[in-house]
């Protein structure tokens, strides 16, 4: 079953040299830095024509330092995120829960310009896949 509303929202990879990788993707592919942290850089790939995109969430490519421990506090590394429409979120969550595939759920915090909710599961090769949906959108301030 394919959801008509499915859009790539984010791809995240762990890299051995964060500065080198950021320079490569910016210089060679023209991505722009969206947001940085001590162990992560989010690069803008393009606009996300969707409810999340309307609230300031572009298509993102995230690069994380490989040596950082993977845990829930660090979101997820080495994953791909697909945005789905808010109307599909509950039914998709229940569908994946019924298959005992959901490994984590997350509400996106008040500190962002947009709000959302996600759930994560693994594909057959163990890659983490996230389905994210806008929940309550607020105007940018």
N, C-alpha and C. Protein backbone atom coordinates (compact mmCIF):
# COMPACT_ATOMS: atom_id res chain seq x y z
N UNK A 1 0.85 -1.18 0.00
CA UNK A 1 0.00 0.00 0.00
C UNK A 1 0.89 1.24 0.00
N UNK A 2 0.67 2.14 -0.93
CA UNK A 2 1.43 3.38 -0.98
C UNK A 2 0.52 4.53 -0.59
N UNK A 3 1.00 5.35 0.37
CA UNK A 3 0.25 6.53 0.76
C UNK A 3 0.48 7.63 -0.27
N UNK A 4 -0.59 8.21 -0.77
CA UNK A 4 -0.46 9.26 -1.78
C UNK A 4 0.27 10.48 -1.24
N UNK A 5 0.24 10.66 0.07
CA UNK A 5 0.83 11.87 0.67
C UNK A 5 2.29 11.72 1.06
N UNK A 6 2.91 10.58 0.79
CA UNK A 6 4.27 10.31 1.26
C UNK A 6 5.29 11.22 0.57
N UNK A 7 6.12 11.92 1.39
CA UNK A 7 7.16 12.80 0.88
C UNK A 7 8.43 12.58 1.69
N UNK A 8 9.60 12.65 1.04
CA UNK A 8 10.85 12.58 1.80
C UNK A 8 11.01 13.87 2.58
N UNK A 9 11.19 13.74 3.90
CA UNK A 9 11.38 14.90 4.76
C UNK A 9 12.83 15.02 5.19
N UNK A 10 13.48 13.89 5.45
CA UNK A 10 14.85 13.95 5.97
C UNK A 10 15.57 12.63 5.74
N UNK A 11 16.85 12.73 5.42
CA UNK A 11 17.75 11.60 5.39
C UNK A 11 18.90 11.96 6.32
N UNK A 12 19.32 11.04 7.18
CA UNK A 12 20.41 11.31 8.13
C UNK A 12 21.45 10.21 8.05
N UNK A 13 22.70 10.61 8.03
CA UNK A 13 23.81 9.67 7.96
C UNK A 13 24.85 10.01 9.01
N UNK A 14 25.50 8.98 9.53
CA UNK A 14 26.65 9.17 10.41
C UNK A 14 27.89 9.22 9.54
N UNK A 15 28.78 10.18 9.82
CA UNK A 15 29.97 10.36 9.00
C UNK A 15 31.21 10.40 9.89
N UNK A 16 32.35 10.05 9.31
CA UNK A 16 33.59 9.99 10.09
C UNK A 16 34.23 11.36 10.29
N UNK A 17 34.01 12.31 9.37
CA UNK A 17 34.57 13.65 9.49
C UNK A 17 33.48 14.65 9.12
N UNK A 18 32.86 15.23 10.14
CA UNK A 18 31.69 16.08 9.93
C UNK A 18 32.03 17.30 9.06
N UNK A 19 33.11 17.99 9.37
CA UNK A 19 33.48 19.19 8.60
C UNK A 19 33.73 18.85 7.13
N UNK A 20 34.45 17.78 6.88
CA UNK A 20 34.75 17.36 5.51
C UNK A 20 33.46 17.03 4.75
N UNK A 21 32.56 16.31 5.41
CA UNK A 21 31.31 15.92 4.75
C UNK A 21 30.43 17.13 4.47
N UNK A 22 30.35 18.05 5.41
CA UNK A 22 29.55 19.26 5.19
C UNK A 22 30.12 20.03 4.00
N UNK A 23 31.43 20.20 3.98
CA UNK A 23 32.06 20.92 2.86
C UNK A 23 31.76 20.23 1.53
N UNK A 24 31.84 18.91 1.50
CA UNK A 24 31.57 18.18 0.27
C UNK A 24 30.15 18.43 -0.22
N UNK A 25 29.16 18.22 0.65
CA UNK A 25 27.77 18.35 0.20
C UNK A 25 27.40 19.78 -0.13
N UNK A 26 27.99 20.76 0.56
CA UNK A 26 27.73 22.16 0.22
C UNK A 26 28.45 22.56 -1.07
N UNK A 27 29.74 22.22 -1.18
CA UNK A 27 30.53 22.63 -2.33
C UNK A 27 30.16 21.87 -3.60
N UNK A 28 29.95 20.57 -3.48
CA UNK A 28 29.74 19.75 -4.67
C UNK A 28 28.28 19.64 -5.10
N UNK A 29 27.36 19.70 -4.13
CA UNK A 29 25.94 19.54 -4.47
C UNK A 29 25.11 20.79 -4.23
N UNK A 30 25.73 21.80 -3.62
CA UNK A 30 25.04 23.07 -3.44
C UNK A 30 24.05 23.12 -2.30
N UNK A 31 24.10 22.16 -1.37
CA UNK A 31 23.22 22.23 -0.22
C UNK A 31 23.63 23.41 0.65
N UNK A 32 22.70 23.93 1.43
CA UNK A 32 22.97 25.04 2.34
C UNK A 32 22.78 24.58 3.77
N UNK A 33 23.58 25.15 4.67
CA UNK A 33 23.45 24.81 6.09
C UNK A 33 22.14 25.39 6.61
N UNK A 34 21.34 24.53 7.22
CA UNK A 34 20.06 24.93 7.80
C UNK A 34 20.20 25.18 9.30
N UNK A 35 20.89 24.25 9.98
CA UNK A 35 21.03 24.33 11.43
C UNK A 35 22.24 23.49 11.83
N UNK A 36 22.96 23.94 12.84
CA UNK A 36 24.11 23.17 13.30
C UNK A 36 24.02 22.94 14.80
N UNK A 37 24.68 21.90 15.23
CA UNK A 37 24.83 21.57 16.64
C UNK A 37 26.24 21.06 16.83
N UNK A 38 26.61 20.70 18.04
CA UNK A 38 27.98 20.26 18.27
C UNK A 38 28.34 18.96 17.54
N UNK A 39 27.37 18.13 17.26
CA UNK A 39 27.63 16.84 16.64
C UNK A 39 26.83 16.58 15.38
N UNK A 40 26.14 17.61 14.89
CA UNK A 40 25.23 17.42 13.76
C UNK A 40 25.15 18.71 12.94
N UNK A 41 24.97 18.54 11.64
CA UNK A 41 24.67 19.66 10.75
C UNK A 41 23.51 19.23 9.87
N UNK A 42 22.48 20.06 9.82
CA UNK A 42 21.34 19.83 8.95
C UNK A 42 21.51 20.69 7.71
N UNK A 43 21.46 20.08 6.55
CA UNK A 43 21.60 20.78 5.28
C UNK A 43 20.26 20.82 4.57
N UNK A 44 19.92 21.96 3.99
CA UNK A 44 18.69 22.09 3.23
C UNK A 44 18.92 21.56 1.83
N UNK A 45 18.09 20.61 1.43
CA UNK A 45 18.15 20.05 0.09
C UNK A 45 17.22 20.84 -0.82
N UNK A 46 16.04 21.16 -0.32
CA UNK A 46 15.05 21.90 -1.11
C UNK A 46 13.80 22.13 -0.28
N UNK A 47 12.82 22.76 -0.88
CA UNK A 47 11.58 23.02 -0.16
C UNK A 47 10.78 21.72 0.04
N UNK A 48 10.00 21.71 1.09
CA UNK A 48 9.10 20.60 1.36
C UNK A 48 7.69 21.13 1.20
N UNK A 49 7.07 20.91 0.03
CA UNK A 49 5.74 21.46 -0.23
C UNK A 49 4.67 20.64 0.50
N UNK A 50 4.49 21.01 1.77
CA UNK A 50 3.61 20.22 2.62
C UNK A 50 3.27 21.02 3.86
N UNK A 51 2.41 20.50 4.74
CA UNK A 51 2.14 21.20 6.00
C UNK A 51 3.40 21.48 6.81
N UNK A 52 4.32 20.52 6.90
CA UNK A 52 5.56 20.77 7.64
C UNK A 52 6.41 21.80 6.92
N UNK A 53 6.47 21.73 5.60
CA UNK A 53 7.24 22.70 4.84
C UNK A 53 6.69 24.10 4.98
N UNK A 54 5.37 24.22 5.01
CA UNK A 54 4.74 25.53 5.19
C UNK A 54 5.11 26.15 6.53
N UNK A 55 5.47 25.30 7.50
CA UNK A 55 5.82 25.78 8.83
C UNK A 55 7.33 25.91 9.02
N UNK A 56 8.09 25.76 7.94
CA UNK A 56 9.52 25.99 8.02
C UNK A 56 10.41 24.77 8.00
N UNK A 57 9.86 23.58 7.77
CA UNK A 57 10.67 22.36 7.72
C UNK A 57 10.96 22.04 6.26
N UNK A 58 12.20 22.31 5.79
CA UNK A 58 12.54 21.96 4.41
C UNK A 58 12.90 20.48 4.30
N UNK A 59 13.17 20.02 3.08
CA UNK A 59 13.76 18.70 2.92
C UNK A 59 15.17 18.79 3.47
N UNK A 60 15.52 17.88 4.38
CA UNK A 60 16.80 17.96 5.08
C UNK A 60 17.68 16.74 4.83
N UNK A 61 18.97 16.99 4.82
CA UNK A 61 19.99 15.95 4.80
C UNK A 61 20.84 16.22 6.02
N UNK A 62 20.82 15.33 7.00
CA UNK A 62 21.53 15.55 8.26
C UNK A 62 22.78 14.69 8.31
N UNK A 63 23.86 15.29 8.77
CA UNK A 63 25.13 14.59 8.94
C UNK A 63 25.49 14.62 10.42
N UNK A 64 25.74 13.44 11.01
CA UNK A 64 26.06 13.30 12.42
C UNK A 64 27.46 12.72 12.57
N UNK A 65 28.16 13.13 13.62
CA UNK A 65 29.46 12.52 13.91
C UNK A 65 29.27 11.05 14.22
N UNK A 66 30.05 10.21 13.57
CA UNK A 66 29.92 8.75 13.72
C UNK A 66 30.11 8.28 15.16
N UNK A 67 31.00 8.92 15.90
CA UNK A 67 31.33 8.43 17.25
C UNK A 67 30.26 8.74 18.30
N UNK A 68 29.25 9.52 17.97
CA UNK A 68 28.20 9.85 18.93
C UNK A 68 27.33 8.62 19.16
N UNK A 69 27.08 8.33 20.42
CA UNK A 69 26.23 7.19 20.79
C UNK A 69 24.81 7.41 20.27
N UNK A 70 24.23 6.39 19.72
CA UNK A 70 22.86 6.47 19.22
C UNK A 70 21.91 6.20 20.38
N UNK A 71 21.04 7.17 20.66
CA UNK A 71 20.00 6.98 21.66
C UNK A 71 18.85 7.93 21.38
N UNK A 72 17.77 7.76 22.12
CA UNK A 72 16.56 8.54 21.86
C UNK A 72 16.78 10.04 22.04
N UNK A 73 17.70 10.43 22.93
CA UNK A 73 17.95 11.85 23.16
C UNK A 73 18.57 12.52 21.95
N UNK A 74 19.24 11.75 21.12
CA UNK A 74 19.89 12.28 19.92
C UNK A 74 19.03 12.10 18.68
N UNK A 75 17.73 11.91 18.83
CA UNK A 75 16.85 11.62 17.72
C UNK A 75 17.29 10.28 17.14
N UNK A 76 17.45 10.19 15.85
CA UNK A 76 17.95 8.95 15.24
C UNK A 76 19.05 9.30 14.28
N UNK A 77 19.98 8.41 14.12
CA UNK A 77 21.03 8.54 13.13
C UNK A 77 20.83 7.46 12.09
N UNK A 78 21.43 7.65 10.93
CA UNK A 78 21.31 6.66 9.86
C UNK A 78 19.86 6.28 9.63
N UNK A 79 19.03 7.26 9.36
CA UNK A 79 17.62 6.98 9.12
C UNK A 79 17.13 7.80 7.94
N UNK A 80 15.93 7.46 7.50
CA UNK A 80 15.25 8.24 6.49
C UNK A 80 13.86 8.55 7.02
N UNK A 81 13.42 9.79 6.81
CA UNK A 81 12.10 10.21 7.30
C UNK A 81 11.21 10.54 6.12
N UNK A 82 9.98 10.06 6.19
CA UNK A 82 8.96 10.37 5.20
C UNK A 82 7.84 11.10 5.90
N UNK A 83 7.39 12.19 5.31
CA UNK A 83 6.25 12.91 5.87
C UNK A 83 4.96 12.30 5.34
N UNK A 84 3.98 12.18 6.22
CA UNK A 84 2.64 11.73 5.83
C UNK A 84 1.63 12.77 6.30
N UNK A 85 0.47 12.79 5.66
CA UNK A 85 -0.57 13.73 6.05
C UNK A 85 -1.08 13.45 7.45
N UNK A 86 -1.44 14.50 8.19
CA UNK A 86 -1.97 14.30 9.54
C UNK A 86 -3.17 13.35 9.59
N UNK A 87 -4.00 13.35 8.55
CA UNK A 87 -5.18 12.47 8.53
C UNK A 87 -4.81 11.00 8.45
N UNK A 88 -3.60 10.69 7.99
CA UNK A 88 -3.16 9.30 7.87
C UNK A 88 -2.36 8.80 9.07
N UNK A 89 -1.97 9.71 9.96
CA UNK A 89 -1.02 9.36 11.01
C UNK A 89 -1.53 8.25 11.92
N UNK A 90 -2.69 8.40 12.50
CA UNK A 90 -3.19 7.42 13.48
C UNK A 90 -3.38 6.04 12.85
N UNK A 91 -3.93 6.00 11.65
CA UNK A 91 -4.15 4.69 11.02
C UNK A 91 -2.83 4.01 10.68
N UNK A 92 -1.83 4.79 10.25
CA UNK A 92 -0.53 4.21 9.94
C UNK A 92 0.17 3.75 11.22
N UNK A 93 0.08 4.55 12.27
CA UNK A 93 0.67 4.15 13.54
C UNK A 93 0.06 2.83 14.01
N UNK A 94 -1.23 2.71 13.96
CA UNK A 94 -1.90 1.48 14.38
C UNK A 94 -1.54 0.30 13.48
N UNK A 95 -1.42 0.55 12.18
CA UNK A 95 -1.04 -0.51 11.25
C UNK A 95 0.34 -1.07 11.59
N UNK A 96 1.31 -0.20 11.85
CA UNK A 96 2.65 -0.67 12.18
C UNK A 96 2.71 -1.26 13.59
N UNK A 97 1.92 -0.72 14.52
CA UNK A 97 1.87 -1.30 15.86
C UNK A 97 1.29 -2.71 15.81
N UNK A 98 0.28 -2.92 14.97
CA UNK A 98 -0.34 -4.24 14.88
C UNK A 98 0.64 -5.28 14.35
N UNK A 99 1.66 -4.85 13.65
CA UNK A 99 2.70 -5.74 13.15
C UNK A 99 3.90 -5.80 14.10
N UNK A 100 3.76 -5.13 15.26
CA UNK A 100 4.81 -5.06 16.29
C UNK A 100 6.12 -4.53 15.71
N UNK A 101 6.01 -3.49 14.86
CA UNK A 101 7.18 -2.91 14.21
C UNK A 101 7.61 -1.58 14.82
N UNK A 102 6.74 -0.90 15.55
CA UNK A 102 7.05 0.42 16.08
C UNK A 102 8.09 0.29 17.18
N UNK A 103 9.22 1.03 17.02
CA UNK A 103 10.27 0.97 18.03
C UNK A 103 10.29 2.22 18.90
N UNK A 104 9.66 3.29 18.45
CA UNK A 104 9.64 4.50 19.25
C UNK A 104 8.65 5.48 18.65
N UNK A 105 8.06 6.30 19.52
CA UNK A 105 7.22 7.41 19.09
C UNK A 105 7.82 8.69 19.65
N UNK A 106 7.55 9.80 18.97
CA UNK A 106 8.09 11.07 19.44
C UNK A 106 7.16 12.21 19.07
N UNK A 107 6.98 13.12 20.03
CA UNK A 107 6.30 14.39 19.78
C UNK A 107 7.38 15.44 19.62
N UNK A 108 7.25 16.29 18.62
CA UNK A 108 8.27 17.32 18.39
C UNK A 108 7.98 18.51 19.28
N UNK A 109 9.02 19.06 19.87
CA UNK A 109 8.89 20.00 20.99
C UNK A 109 8.38 21.38 20.63
N UNK A 110 8.00 22.07 21.70
CA UNK A 110 7.50 23.44 21.60
C UNK A 110 8.57 24.41 21.10
N UNK A 111 9.83 24.03 21.16
CA UNK A 111 10.91 24.95 20.82
C UNK A 111 11.07 25.13 19.32
N UNK A 112 10.40 24.34 18.51
CA UNK A 112 10.50 24.46 17.06
C UNK A 112 9.40 25.36 16.52
N UNK A 113 9.60 25.88 15.32
CA UNK A 113 8.57 26.70 14.69
C UNK A 113 7.40 25.85 14.22
N UNK A 114 7.59 24.56 14.15
CA UNK A 114 6.53 23.64 13.74
C UNK A 114 6.41 22.55 14.80
N UNK A 115 5.28 21.91 14.81
CA UNK A 115 5.06 20.80 15.73
C UNK A 115 4.71 19.58 14.91
N UNK A 116 5.11 18.45 15.42
CA UNK A 116 4.83 17.22 14.70
C UNK A 116 4.91 16.03 15.62
N UNK A 117 4.61 14.91 15.06
CA UNK A 117 4.75 13.65 15.79
C UNK A 117 5.25 12.61 14.81
N UNK A 118 6.00 11.69 15.36
CA UNK A 118 6.66 10.68 14.53
C UNK A 118 6.56 9.32 15.18
N UNK A 119 6.70 8.30 14.36
CA UNK A 119 7.00 6.98 14.89
C UNK A 119 8.06 6.36 14.00
N UNK A 120 8.83 5.47 14.61
CA UNK A 120 10.00 4.88 13.98
C UNK A 120 9.85 3.36 13.95
N UNK A 121 10.37 2.76 12.88
CA UNK A 121 10.38 1.31 12.76
C UNK A 121 11.61 0.94 11.92
N UNK A 122 11.90 -0.34 11.82
CA UNK A 122 13.06 -0.80 11.05
C UNK A 122 12.59 -1.51 9.78
N UNK A 123 13.36 -1.28 8.71
CA UNK A 123 13.09 -2.01 7.48
C UNK A 123 13.73 -3.40 7.58
N UNK A 124 13.57 -4.26 6.58
CA UNK A 124 14.09 -5.63 6.70
C UNK A 124 15.61 -5.71 6.91
N UNK A 125 16.36 -4.67 6.51
CA UNK A 125 17.80 -4.67 6.71
C UNK A 125 18.22 -3.96 7.99
N UNK A 126 17.26 -3.52 8.78
CA UNK A 126 17.57 -2.89 10.05
C UNK A 126 17.71 -1.38 10.01
N UNK A 127 17.51 -0.75 8.84
CA UNK A 127 17.56 0.70 8.77
C UNK A 127 16.35 1.30 9.48
N UNK A 128 16.57 2.41 10.17
CA UNK A 128 15.47 3.08 10.85
C UNK A 128 14.71 3.95 9.85
N UNK A 129 13.41 3.81 9.84
CA UNK A 129 12.51 4.60 9.01
C UNK A 129 11.59 5.37 9.94
N UNK A 130 11.40 6.65 9.64
CA UNK A 130 10.52 7.50 10.44
C UNK A 130 9.37 7.96 9.58
N UNK A 131 8.16 7.89 10.11
CA UNK A 131 7.01 8.54 9.49
C UNK A 131 6.67 9.72 10.39
N UNK A 132 6.70 10.92 9.81
CA UNK A 132 6.47 12.15 10.57
C UNK A 132 5.28 12.88 9.97
N UNK A 133 4.53 13.52 10.86
CA UNK A 133 3.35 14.27 10.43
C UNK A 133 3.27 15.55 11.21
N UNK A 134 2.83 16.61 10.54
CA UNK A 134 2.53 17.85 11.25
C UNK A 134 1.37 17.57 12.19
N UNK A 135 1.45 18.11 13.40
CA UNK A 135 0.31 17.93 14.30
C UNK A 135 -0.41 19.27 14.45
N UNK A 136 0.17 20.20 15.17
CA UNK A 136 -0.43 21.51 15.33
C UNK A 136 0.56 22.51 14.76
N UNK A 137 0.16 23.26 13.77
CA UNK A 137 1.04 24.23 13.17
C UNK A 137 0.77 25.60 13.76
N UNK A 138 1.85 26.33 14.05
CA UNK A 138 1.70 27.68 14.55
C UNK A 138 2.42 28.62 13.60
N UNK A 139 1.93 29.83 13.52
CA UNK A 139 2.59 30.82 12.68
C UNK A 139 3.97 31.14 13.22
N UNK A 140 4.90 31.36 12.32
CA UNK A 140 6.26 31.73 12.73
C UNK A 140 6.23 33.08 13.43
N UNK A 141 7.10 33.18 14.44
CA UNK A 141 7.16 34.47 15.16
C UNK A 141 8.44 35.18 14.87
